[in-house]
Amino acid sequence: MAARSELRTLHIQEAAYTTGKEGSETLEACQVSNDWDTSSSPHEFPEGGLAAWATAFGAFLIQFCAVGYVVSFGVYQDFYTRHYLTNETASAISWIGSTAAFLMDAMGLVSGLLYDRGYFYHVVIIGSLLQSFSLFMLSLSKPDQYYQIFLSQGLGLGIASGLIHVSSFAVISHHFRQRRTLVMTFVGAGSSLGATIYPIMLNNLLSGPLGFANGVRASAGLTTLFLFIACLCMRTRLDPPATRVNYVMATRQCIRDIPFILMIAGSFLFQIGFSYPLFFLQLDTIKHGISVNFSFYSLVILNGFNFVGQLTSGFIAAFTGVPNLIIIATFSCGVIILGMIGLSGLASVIVLCATCGYFSGITFAISAPLVAFLTPDLSELGARMGIYFFSFAFGSLIGTPISGALLTSSYIWWIPSLFAGVNRYYFFYNSFRPRLTA
């Protein structure tokens, strides 16, 4: 009887009946809508507790392993160009990293659909196993065997990361509403921490006594451990909607949603320029005469400040609002990327890495909360995130190969820097336009 009295009414559609037992007892039988309610009062979300924070920590580890490893490709770009795939051009090698980055985002369309249908655990477990398998297969790749590396690191790692990337963000909406932006930025910061730790680890392992094969295996072992812990931590709370989200209808609604479409267009252009410093900065510093030892830590500085940017973005967004903050961050990114044209000495590298990393971190962290902010019905959040990341992915696919082609074998650095910086300005423009249409 106590359990019955605790029934929560979301949508009362029918009144119920009266029965008698040792007197009279009135029960309300309310037919509750199985769809997730977006207008529920805040107290219906835990906003904390062991299960909620354990899920957030597990999602943090997913971002650490999935996104953190993929965006650390700059270490591999340098190593492959100078040592392991010497017969290939910088543009051809960058296709490995850009394919992985593309699939990491594009697979969001699949994982988002499966998430909405209640297959969260299946997606996360399969994706985790595939990522571990792909990294161990990468360790078996031989020098100058481009196809082996492309299959394991480009395709295998990309698909695995894509399966777990979007789902780990979306599950946060099960536990948090008022704190959703803050927690999502915390989860997103895992990618920056991973992109800080992995370059240190890989640079010392690949160029050290362990060599390529054992170095990759060591990183695969660490990744497998963290993914195992993440799978144990994450829990769903809400049942999937009884009426499955129709992706065709969701897409049609998105097309009519002008702010959402502008966000997708701007994010696509931003991603074209986003990967340029991640993939080419370490090679850029070495070719400009910076010491190899310091160049190994250029990505660490970049991703370290990226981590700080992601952590602080949630607190800043509480005062500025999500749309205003992303406008400021993207404009700053465009200025800084154009500043890479003047990269020459040690001081310029440190300043560019710190500022570019910080504002890129803010932009990346605010992207998922911006999708949630522009989603009126949370039952479609998985679908919208999938559509967003799928569109976003094409910028990852074409951005770095174009930058590599513009760089040429003569290493003309100002041309790809100009290209990447201008694309970030277009993101700023498209981010600002929804404010005008509001």
Protein backbone atom coordinates (compact mmCIF):
# COMPACT_ATOMS: atom_id res chain seq x y z
CA MET A 1 0.00 0.00 0.00
CA ALA A 2 2.89 2.33 0.73
CA ALA A 3 4.35 1.63 -2.66
CA ARG A 4 1.08 2.52 -4.29
CA SER A 5 0.88 5.79 -2.47
CA GLU A 6 4.26 6.80 -3.93
CA LEU A 7 3.08 6.61 -7.54
CA ARG A 8 4.22 9.67 -9.44
CA THR A 9 1.75 11.17 -11.90
CA LEU A 10 3.32 12.52 -15.08
CA HIS A 11 0.31 12.63 -17.39
CA ILE A 12 -3.03 11.62 -15.87
CA GLN A 13 -5.10 10.29 -18.73
CA GLU A 14 -7.76 8.26 -16.97
CA ALA A 15 -9.31 8.30 -13.55
CA ALA A 16 -9.60 4.95 -11.91
CA TYR A 17 -11.76 2.96 -9.75
CA THR A 18 -12.73 2.21 -6.16
CA THR A 19 -12.41 -1.14 -4.41
CA GLY A 20 -13.20 -2.30 -0.92
CA LYS A 21 -11.12 -4.36 1.46
CA GLU A 22 -11.86 -4.43 5.22
CA GLY A 23 -13.62 -1.18 4.87
CA SER A 24 -13.27 1.14 1.96
CA GLU A 25 -10.08 1.93 0.16
CA THR A 26 -9.76 4.33 -2.70
CA LEU A 27 -6.97 3.95 -5.19
CA GLU A 28 -6.14 6.21 -8.05
CA ALA A 29 -5.14 4.28 -11.11
CA CYS A 30 -3.45 6.72 -13.35
CA GLN A 31 -2.28 5.82 -16.78
CA VAL A 32 1.19 7.26 -16.99
CA SER A 33 2.71 8.22 -20.26
CA ASN A 34 5.75 6.12 -21.10
CA ASP A 35 7.41 8.95 -22.94
CA TRP A 36 10.11 10.86 -21.08
CA ASP A 37 8.61 14.03 -19.74
CA THR A 38 10.57 17.16 -20.49
CA SER A 39 8.40 19.39 -18.37
CA SER A 40 8.88 17.41 -15.16
CA SER A 41 9.70 19.37 -12.06
CA PRO A 42 13.39 19.37 -11.07
CA HIS A 43 12.87 17.18 -7.98
CA GLU A 44 12.05 14.20 -10.23
CA PHE A 45 15.73 14.08 -11.23
CA PRO A 46 18.15 12.88 -8.54
CA GLU A 47 20.64 15.69 -9.27
CA GLY A 48 23.21 13.59 -7.39
CA GLY A 49 23.58 10.45 -5.34
CA LEU A 50 25.86 7.44 -5.72
CA ALA A 51 24.34 6.07 -8.94
CA ALA A 52 24.28 9.49 -10.62
CA TRP A 53 27.86 10.45 -9.79
CA ALA A 54 29.13 6.94 -10.55
CA THR A 55 27.51 7.24 -13.97
CA ALA A 56 29.14 10.64 -14.48
CA PHE A 57 32.53 9.19 -13.49
CA GLY A 58 32.07 6.24 -15.85
CA ALA A 59 31.15 8.61 -18.69
CA PHE A 60 34.25 10.67 -17.83
CA LEU A 61 36.40 7.55 -18.28
CA ILE A 62 34.67 6.77 -21.59
CA GLN A 63 35.56 10.21 -22.89
CA PHE A 64 39.11 9.79 -21.56
CA CYS A 65 39.61 6.57 -23.51
CA ALA A 66 37.51 7.13 -26.63
CA VAL A 67 37.95 10.79 -27.56
CA GLY A 68 41.24 11.20 -25.69
CA TYR A 69 42.96 8.47 -27.70
CA VAL A 70 41.57 9.55 -31.07
CA VAL A 71 42.59 13.21 -30.68
CA SER A 72 46.08 12.14 -29.58
CA PHE A 73 46.73 11.13 -33.17
CA GLY A 74 49.16 14.02 -33.49
CA VAL A 75 51.76 11.78 -31.80
CA TYR A 76 51.14 9.06 -34.38
CA GLN A 77 51.13 11.63 -37.20
CA ASP A 78 54.65 12.72 -36.25
CA PHE A 79 55.89 9.15 -35.60
CA TYR A 80 54.44 7.74 -38.83
CA THR A 81 55.74 10.65 -40.94
CA ARG A 82 59.30 10.48 -39.63
CA HIS A 83 59.75 6.77 -38.81
CA TYR A 84 57.01 4.22 -39.47
CA LEU A 85 55.27 5.17 -42.75
CA THR A 86 58.05 7.05 -44.47
CA ASN A 87 56.76 6.16 -47.94
CA GLU A 88 53.47 8.00 -47.35
CA THR A 89 52.71 11.72 -47.53
CA ALA A 90 51.55 13.73 -44.53
CA SER A 91 48.12 14.07 -46.16
CA ALA A 92 47.79 10.29 -46.67
CA ILE A 93 48.80 9.59 -43.07
CA SER A 94 46.33 12.16 -41.77
CA TRP A 95 43.52 10.17 -43.41
CA ILE A 96 44.03 7.54 -40.69
CA GLY A 97 43.35 10.01 -37.90
CA SER A 98 40.62 11.87 -39.75
CA THR A 99 38.78 8.62 -40.56
CA ALA A 100 38.88 7.63 -36.89
CA ALA A 101 37.63 11.09 -35.88
CA PHE A 102 34.91 10.94 -38.54
CA LEU A 103 33.64 7.54 -37.44
CA MET A 104 33.80 8.55 -33.78
CA ASP A 105 31.22 11.25 -34.48
CA ALA A 106 29.32 9.65 -37.39
CA MET A 107 28.61 6.45 -35.46
CA GLY A 108 26.67 8.68 -33.08
CA LEU A 109 23.75 8.29 -35.48
CA VAL A 110 23.75 4.53 -34.81
CA SER A 111 24.56 4.66 -31.11
CA GLY A 112 22.01 7.45 -30.57
CA LEU A 113 19.28 5.33 -32.16
CA LEU A 114 20.23 2.28 -30.09
CA TYR A 115 20.41 4.42 -26.94
CA ASP A 116 16.87 5.72 -27.51
CA ARG A 117 15.65 2.11 -27.86
CA GLY A 118 17.15 1.01 -24.56
CA TYR A 119 20.34 -0.70 -25.74
CA PHE A 120 22.71 1.49 -23.76
CA TYR A 121 24.55 -1.36 -22.03
CA HIS A 122 24.88 -3.39 -25.23
CA VAL A 123 26.37 -0.43 -27.11
CA VAL A 124 28.85 0.50 -24.37
CA ILE A 125 30.09 -3.06 -23.79
CA ILE A 126 30.48 -3.89 -27.49
CA GLY A 127 32.20 -0.56 -28.18
CA SER A 128 34.60 -1.05 -25.27
CA LEU A 129 35.56 -4.54 -26.40
CA LEU A 130 36.06 -3.35 -29.98
CA GLN A 131 38.32 -0.48 -28.89
CA SER A 132 40.56 -2.80 -26.87
CA PHE A 133 40.70 -5.31 -29.74
CA SER A 134 41.55 -2.58 -32.31
CA LEU A 135 44.43 -1.22 -30.24
CA PHE A 136 45.94 -4.66 -29.71
CA MET A 137 45.64 -5.30 -33.46
CA LEU A 138 47.36 -1.96 -34.12
CA SER A 139 50.33 -3.19 -32.10
CA LEU A 140 50.74 -6.02 -34.63
CA SER A 141 50.98 -3.64 -37.62
CA LYS A 142 54.28 -3.70 -39.50
CA PRO A 143 56.31 -0.69 -40.77
CA ASP A 144 55.21 0.75 -44.13
CA GLN A 145 52.04 -1.38 -44.10
CA TYR A 146 49.57 1.45 -44.46
CA TYR A 147 46.47 -0.73 -44.85
CA GLN A 148 47.09 -2.57 -41.55
CA ILE A 149 47.27 0.67 -39.60
CA PHE A 150 44.31 2.15 -41.45
CA LEU A 151 42.08 -0.85 -40.72
CA SER A 152 42.91 -1.07 -37.02
CA GLN A 153 43.39 2.59 -36.08
CA GLY A 154 41.27 4.32 -38.71
CA LEU A 155 38.28 2.00 -38.97
CA GLY A 156 38.31 -0.21 -35.86
CA LEU A 157 39.19 2.48 -33.33
CA GLY A 158 36.87 4.99 -35.01
CA ILE A 159 33.81 2.70 -34.95
CA ALA A 160 34.47 1.64 -31.35
CA SER A 161 34.88 5.22 -30.13
CA GLY A 162 31.73 6.26 -31.97
CA LEU A 163 29.63 3.59 -30.26
CA ILE A 164 30.54 4.70 -26.74
CA HIS A 165 31.14 8.44 -27.26
CA VAL A 166 27.58 9.75 -27.73
CA SER A 167 25.93 7.25 -25.37
CA SER A 168 28.11 8.33 -22.45
CA PHE A 169 26.97 11.94 -22.91
CA ALA A 170 23.29 11.12 -23.38
CA VAL A 171 22.99 8.95 -20.25
CA ILE A 172 23.77 12.00 -18.08
CA SER A 173 20.27 13.27 -18.88
CA HIS A 174 18.86 10.33 -16.88
CA HIS A 175 20.26 11.66 -13.63
CA PHE A 176 20.65 15.43 -13.94
CA ARG A 177 18.50 18.30 -15.11
CA GLN A 178 19.43 21.50 -13.26
CA ARG A 179 23.10 20.48 -13.15
CA ARG A 180 23.12 18.91 -16.61
CA THR A 181 25.38 21.50 -18.27
CA LEU A 182 27.85 21.43 -15.39
CA VAL A 183 28.02 17.62 -15.31
CA MET A 184 28.26 17.31 -19.09
CA THR A 185 31.22 19.69 -19.13
CA PHE A 186 32.84 17.59 -16.40
CA VAL A 187 32.29 14.45 -18.50
CA GLY A 188 33.63 16.16 -21.61
CA ALA A 189 36.76 17.15 -19.70
CA GLY A 190 37.69 13.47 -19.65
CA SER A 191 38.59 13.72 -23.34
CA SER A 192 41.06 16.52 -22.66
CA LEU A 193 42.63 14.70 -19.74
CA GLY A 194 43.00 11.64 -21.96
CA ALA A 195 44.48 13.77 -24.72
CA THR A 196 46.99 15.07 -22.15
CA ILE A 197 47.99 11.71 -20.65
CA TYR A 198 48.11 9.67 -23.85
CA PRO A 199 50.59 11.93 -25.71
CA ILE A 200 53.01 11.81 -22.74
CA MET A 201 52.64 8.06 -22.60
CA LEU A 202 52.86 7.42 -26.34
CA ASN A 203 55.77 9.79 -27.01
CA ASN A 204 57.86 8.11 -24.33
CA LEU A 205 56.83 4.59 -25.30
CA LEU A 206 57.02 4.81 -29.11
CA SER A 207 60.38 6.59 -29.09
CA GLY A 208 61.71 4.69 -26.08
CA PRO A 209 63.13 1.21 -25.52
CA LEU A 210 59.73 -0.52 -25.77
CA GLY A 211 59.22 0.55 -29.37
CA PHE A 212 56.01 0.70 -31.38
CA ALA A 213 54.48 -2.74 -30.75
CA ASN A 214 54.95 -2.93 -26.98
CA GLY A 215 54.25 0.78 -26.55
CA VAL A 216 50.85 0.47 -28.24
CA ARG A 217 50.10 -2.64 -26.17
CA ALA A 218 50.85 -0.74 -22.97
CA SER A 219 48.42 2.02 -23.97
CA ALA A 220 45.85 -0.63 -24.93
CA GLY A 221 46.16 -2.20 -21.49
CA LEU A 222 45.52 1.10 -19.73
CA THR A 223 42.56 1.81 -22.02
CA THR A 224 41.06 -1.64 -21.39
CA LEU A 225 41.28 -1.18 -17.63
CA PHE A 226 39.56 2.22 -17.70
CA LEU A 227 36.81 1.01 -20.04
CA PHE A 228 36.14 -1.96 -17.76
CA ILE A 229 35.73 0.37 -14.77
CA ALA A 230 33.46 2.66 -16.82
CA CYS A 231 31.16 -0.22 -17.76
CA LEU A 232 30.83 -1.15 -14.09
CA CYS A 233 30.02 2.42 -13.03
CA MET A 234 27.41 3.62 -15.53
CA ARG A 235 23.71 3.00 -14.93
CA THR A 236 20.54 4.11 -16.68
CA ARG A 237 17.53 5.33 -14.65
CA LEU A 238 14.68 6.01 -17.08
CA ASP A 239 12.92 3.44 -19.20
CA PRO A 240 13.09 3.99 -22.96
CA PRO A 241 9.98 5.65 -24.43
CA ALA A 242 7.21 3.19 -25.32
CA THR A 243 6.84 4.94 -28.65
CA ARG A 244 10.15 4.70 -30.44
CA VAL A 245 11.65 7.89 -31.78
CA ASN A 246 11.17 8.08 -35.53
CA TYR A 247 14.48 9.32 -36.93
CA VAL A 248 12.82 10.45 -40.16
CA MET A 249 10.36 12.60 -38.22
CA ALA A 250 13.11 13.79 -35.87
CA THR A 251 15.21 14.81 -38.88
CA ARG A 252 12.30 16.70 -40.40
CA GLN A 253 11.75 18.54 -37.14
CA CYS A 254 15.45 19.39 -36.98
CA ILE A 255 15.34 20.82 -40.51
CA ARG A 256 12.55 23.16 -39.42
CA ASP A 257 14.49 24.15 -36.30
CA ILE A 258 16.57 27.07 -37.63
CA PRO A 259 18.84 27.52 -34.56
CA PHE A 260 19.64 23.79 -34.57
CA ILE A 261 20.49 23.80 -38.29
CA LEU A 262 22.73 26.84 -37.88
CA MET A 263 24.49 25.12 -35.00
CA ILE A 264 25.13 22.04 -37.17
CA ALA A 265 26.48 24.16 -40.04
CA GLY A 266 28.74 26.13 -37.74
CA SER A 267 30.01 23.02 -35.96
CA PHE A 268 30.86 21.38 -39.29
CA LEU A 269 32.99 24.37 -40.26
CA PHE A 270 34.58 24.53 -36.82
CA GLN A 271 35.58 20.88 -36.94
CA ILE A 272 37.35 21.40 -40.27
CA GLY A 273 39.78 23.69 -38.49
CA PHE A 274 39.64 22.04 -35.06
CA SER A 275 41.83 19.04 -35.91
CA TYR A 276 44.62 21.03 -37.54
CA PRO A 277 46.52 21.94 -34.35
CA LEU A 278 45.78 18.54 -32.80
CA PHE A 279 47.28 16.62 -35.71
CA PHE A 280 50.02 18.95 -36.95
CA LEU A 281 51.21 21.03 -33.99
CA GLN A 282 53.91 18.61 -32.84
CA LEU A 283 55.26 18.24 -36.39
CA ASP A 284 55.03 22.02 -36.85
CA THR A 285 57.18 22.75 -33.79
CA ILE A 286 59.83 20.20 -34.81
CA LYS A 287 60.06 21.59 -38.36
CA HIS A 288 60.45 25.11 -36.91
CA GLY A 289 63.56 24.07 -35.02
CA ILE A 290 62.04 23.66 -31.57
CA SER A 291 63.79 20.89 -29.60
CA VAL A 292 62.30 17.44 -30.10
CA ASN A 293 61.95 16.90 -26.34
CA PHE A 294 59.86 20.05 -25.92
CA SER A 295 57.88 19.37 -29.10
CA PHE A 296 56.75 16.09 -27.57
CA TYR A 297 55.04 18.15 -24.85
CA SER A 298 53.41 20.72 -27.15
CA LEU A 299 50.29 18.56 -27.40
CA VAL A 300 50.39 18.05 -23.64
CA ILE A 301 50.26 21.82 -23.08
CA LEU A 302 47.48 22.18 -25.67
CA ASN A 303 45.34 19.41 -24.21
CA GLY A 304 46.18 20.35 -20.62
CA PHE A 305 44.68 23.80 -21.14
CA ASN A 306 41.87 22.15 -23.11
CA PHE A 307 41.11 20.20 -19.93
CA VAL A 308 41.08 23.42 -17.88
CA GLY A 309 38.78 25.04 -20.44
CA GLN A 310 36.32 22.17 -20.26
CA LEU A 311 36.29 22.11 -16.48
CA THR A 312 35.68 25.85 -16.15
CA SER A 313 33.18 26.12 -19.02
CA GLY A 314 30.28 24.83 -16.92
CA PHE A 315 30.81 27.48 -14.24
CA ILE A 316 31.24 30.27 -16.81
CA ALA A 317 28.12 29.14 -18.72
CA ALA A 318 26.08 29.55 -15.52
CA PHE A 319 26.72 33.30 -15.77
CA THR A 320 26.95 33.90 -19.53
CA GLY A 321 24.54 31.28 -20.84
CA VAL A 322 25.54 28.46 -23.19
CA PRO A 323 24.97 30.30 -26.54
CA ASN A 324 26.87 33.44 -25.45
CA LEU A 325 29.84 31.45 -24.17
CA ILE A 326 30.25 29.42 -27.34
CA ILE A 327 30.21 32.62 -29.41
CA ILE A 328 33.05 34.11 -27.35
CA ALA A 329 35.07 30.89 -27.42
CA THR A 330 34.81 30.30 -31.17
CA PHE A 331 35.75 33.88 -32.03
CA SER A 332 38.83 33.57 -29.81
CA CYS A 333 39.76 30.26 -31.45
CA GLY A 334 39.72 31.84 -34.89
CA VAL A 335 42.10 34.59 -33.79
CA ILE A 336 44.50 32.12 -32.18
CA ILE A 337 44.61 29.69 -35.12
CA LEU A 338 45.47 32.58 -37.43
CA GLY A 339 48.21 33.41 -34.93
CA MET A 340 49.84 30.04 -35.67
CA ILE A 341 51.12 31.62 -38.87
CA GLY A 342 53.62 33.50 -36.68
CA LEU A 343 54.81 30.42 -34.77
CA SER A 344 58.60 30.63 -34.50
CA GLY A 345 60.14 30.35 -31.03
CA LEU A 346 59.51 28.59 -27.76
CA ALA A 347 57.45 31.42 -26.24
CA SER A 348 55.07 31.58 -29.21
CA VAL A 349 54.49 27.83 -29.01
CA ILE A 350 53.58 28.00 -25.31
CA VAL A 351 51.22 30.97 -25.75
CA LEU A 352 49.48 29.45 -28.78
CA CYS A 353 49.14 26.03 -27.14
CA ALA A 354 47.73 27.47 -23.92
CA THR A 355 45.20 29.86 -25.48
CA CYS A 356 44.14 27.55 -28.31
CA GLY A 357 43.72 24.65 -25.91
CA TYR A 358 41.68 26.65 -23.41
CA PHE A 359 39.14 28.12 -25.84
CA SER A 360 38.88 24.90 -27.85
CA GLY A 361 38.12 23.11 -24.59
CA ILE A 362 35.28 25.51 -23.84
CA THR A 363 33.84 25.07 -27.33
CA PHE A 364 34.02 21.29 -27.20
CA ALA A 365 32.57 21.06 -23.69
CA ILE A 366 29.63 23.33 -24.48
CA SER A 367 28.68 21.49 -27.69
CA ALA A 368 26.71 18.68 -26.01
CA PRO A 369 24.92 21.03 -23.57
CA LEU A 370 24.07 23.23 -26.56
CA VAL A 371 22.37 20.26 -28.24
CA ALA A 372 20.42 19.59 -25.03
CA PHE A 373 19.62 23.31 -24.77
CA LEU A 374 18.13 23.27 -28.29
CA THR A 375 16.20 20.00 -27.75
CA PRO A 376 12.63 20.71 -26.57
CA ASP A 377 11.77 17.02 -26.02
CA LEU A 378 14.37 14.93 -24.15
CA SER A 379 12.98 11.72 -25.63
CA GLU A 380 14.64 12.89 -28.86
CA LEU A 381 17.96 13.78 -27.24
CA GLY A 382 19.72 10.64 -28.45
CA ALA A 383 18.40 11.20 -31.96
CA ARG A 384 19.41 14.85 -32.02
CA MET A 385 22.85 14.12 -30.64
CA GLY A 386 23.26 11.44 -33.28
CA ILE A 387 22.22 13.82 -36.06
CA TYR A 388 24.46 16.55 -34.68
CA PHE A 389 27.57 14.39 -34.33
CA PHE A 390 26.95 12.71 -37.71
CA SER A 391 26.95 16.10 -39.46
CA PHE A 392 29.81 17.28 -37.29
CA ALA A 393 31.83 14.21 -38.33
CA PHE A 394 32.27 15.26 -41.96
CA GLY A 395 34.36 18.21 -40.82
CA SER A 396 36.69 15.75 -39.06
CA LEU A 397 36.88 13.62 -42.19
CA ILE A 398 37.92 16.30 -44.65
CA GLY A 399 39.62 18.87 -42.40
CA THR A 400 43.02 17.31 -41.75
CA PRO A 401 43.55 15.80 -45.24
CA ILE A 402 42.85 19.24 -46.73
CA SER A 403 45.27 20.81 -44.25
CA GLY A 404 47.85 18.14 -45.11
CA ALA A 405 47.42 18.76 -48.83
CA LEU A 406 47.74 22.53 -48.32
CA LEU A 407 50.86 21.94 -46.25
CA THR A 408 52.55 20.06 -49.15
CA SER A 409 55.87 18.26 -48.89
CA SER A 410 57.57 21.68 -48.69
CA TYR A 411 55.84 22.37 -45.33
CA ILE A 412 54.24 25.73 -46.14
CA TRP A 413 52.62 26.30 -42.76
CA TRP A 414 50.77 29.59 -43.27
CA ILE A 415 48.30 28.20 -45.83
CA PRO A 416 46.68 25.49 -43.63
CA SER A 417 46.75 27.88 -40.66
CA LEU A 418 44.80 30.46 -42.67
CA PHE A 419 42.38 27.78 -43.89
CA ALA A 420 41.71 26.46 -40.36
CA GLY A 421 41.37 29.94 -38.83
CA VAL A 422 38.89 31.16 -41.44
CA ASN A 423 36.69 28.10 -40.93
CA ARG A 424 36.55 28.81 -37.21
CA TYR A 425 35.38 32.35 -37.97
CA TYR A 426 32.52 30.88 -39.99
CA PHE A 427 31.53 28.86 -36.93
CA PHE A 428 31.51 32.09 -34.92
CA TYR A 429 29.24 33.66 -37.54
CA ASN A 430 26.83 30.70 -37.53
CA SER A 431 26.82 30.64 -33.72
CA PHE A 432 25.87 34.31 -33.64
CA ARG A 433 23.03 34.06 -36.16
CA PRO A 434 20.68 32.06 -33.89
CA ARG A 435 20.85 34.94 -31.43
CA LEU A 436 19.50 37.16 -34.19
CA THR A 437 16.75 34.72 -35.15
CA ALA A 438 15.62 34.19 -31.56
